[in-house]
Amino acid sequence: MIDAELEKVIGKALKLKELRRARARVLQLERELRGEATKPEEPPYIPEFLAQQPARTAVRPTLSVVDVTPKAAA
């Protein structure tokens, strides 16, 4: 595909996505007007590799004291 055709296809895909989102919003507003329970809006999709990782607590190394004095033979 040449760039112009590719841009046209991408533009149509984005427009379709926007129209679907708008339709879902209209349906939600209509439900609110009728007094029906509303579904909470879904959060936007975030790929797993972009999602924030839980904060890791820093592990502080502990130094142990080792007794290196020679022991008397028994």
Protein backbone atom coordinates (compact mmCIF):
# COMPACT_ATOMS: atom_id res chain seq x y z
CA MET A 1 0.00 0.00 0.00
CA ILE A 2 1.17 3.48 -0.62
CA ASP A 3 1.25 6.00 2.21
CA ALA A 4 -1.88 7.86 1.12
CA GLU A 5 -3.96 4.67 1.10
CA LEU A 6 -2.54 3.63 4.45
CA GLU A 7 -3.36 7.01 5.99
CA LYS A 8 -6.89 6.76 4.61
CA VAL A 9 -7.40 3.30 6.15
CA ILE A 10 -5.97 4.42 9.51
CA GLY A 11 -8.17 7.52 9.45
CA LYS A 12 -11.27 5.41 8.84
CA ALA A 13 -10.33 3.02 11.64
CA LEU A 14 -9.89 5.90 14.08
CA LYS A 15 -13.18 7.46 13.01
CA LEU A 16 -14.97 4.13 13.49
CA LYS A 17 -13.47 3.78 16.96
CA GLU A 18 -14.62 7.30 17.88
CA LEU A 19 -18.13 6.59 16.58
CA ARG A 20 -18.38 3.37 18.59
CA ARG A 21 -17.26 5.19 21.73
CA ALA A 22 -19.81 7.97 21.09
CA ARG A 23 -22.58 5.41 20.56
CA ALA A 24 -21.74 3.70 23.85
CA ARG A 25 -21.84 7.08 25.60
CA VAL A 26 -25.25 7.88 24.08
CA LEU A 27 -26.60 4.51 25.24
CA GLN A 28 -25.28 5.20 28.74
CA LEU A 29 -26.91 8.64 28.83
CA GLU A 30 -30.21 7.17 27.63
CA ARG A 31 -30.11 4.60 30.44
CA GLU A 32 -29.48 7.41 32.94
CA LEU A 33 -32.48 9.34 31.61
CA ARG A 34 -34.69 6.27 32.03
CA GLY A 35 -33.41 5.87 35.58
CA GLU A 36 -31.77 2.51 34.98
CA ALA A 37 -28.61 1.49 36.74
CA THR A 38 -25.62 2.73 34.84
CA LYS A 39 -22.60 0.68 34.02
CA PRO A 40 -19.38 2.39 35.03
CA GLU A 41 -17.31 3.49 32.08
CA GLU A 42 -14.50 1.11 31.32
CA PRO A 43 -11.03 2.51 31.81
CA PRO A 44 -8.97 2.86 28.65
CA TYR A 45 -6.96 -0.19 27.64
CA ILE A 46 -3.36 0.01 28.78
CA PRO A 47 -0.98 -2.69 27.58
CA GLU A 48 0.58 -4.71 30.37
CA PHE A 49 4.09 -3.52 29.62
CA LEU A 50 2.97 0.11 30.01
CA ALA A 51 0.98 -0.39 33.20
CA GLN A 52 2.60 0.91 36.34
CA GLN A 53 4.35 -1.76 38.28
CA PRO A 54 3.61 -1.91 42.00
CA ALA A 55 6.19 -0.03 44.03
CA ARG A 56 8.84 -2.33 45.30
CA THR A 57 10.18 -1.71 48.75
CA ALA A 58 13.89 -1.30 48.94
CA VAL A 59 15.66 -4.15 50.63
CA ARG A 60 18.37 -2.96 52.93
CA PRO A 61 21.21 -5.42 53.30
CA THR A 62 21.98 -6.37 56.85
CA LEU A 63 25.52 -7.03 57.88
CA SER A 64 26.05 -9.88 60.23
CA VAL A 65 29.01 -9.96 62.55
CA VAL A 66 31.13 -13.05 62.11
CA ASP A 67 33.37 -14.09 64.97
CA VAL A 68 36.73 -14.91 63.41
CA THR A 69 38.74 -15.42 66.58
CA PRO A 70 40.34 -18.85 66.79
CA LYS A 71 38.67 -21.25 69.15
CA ALA A 72 40.67 -23.22 71.66
CA ALA A 73 41.02 -26.88 70.77
CA ALA A 74 38.99 -29.09 73.00
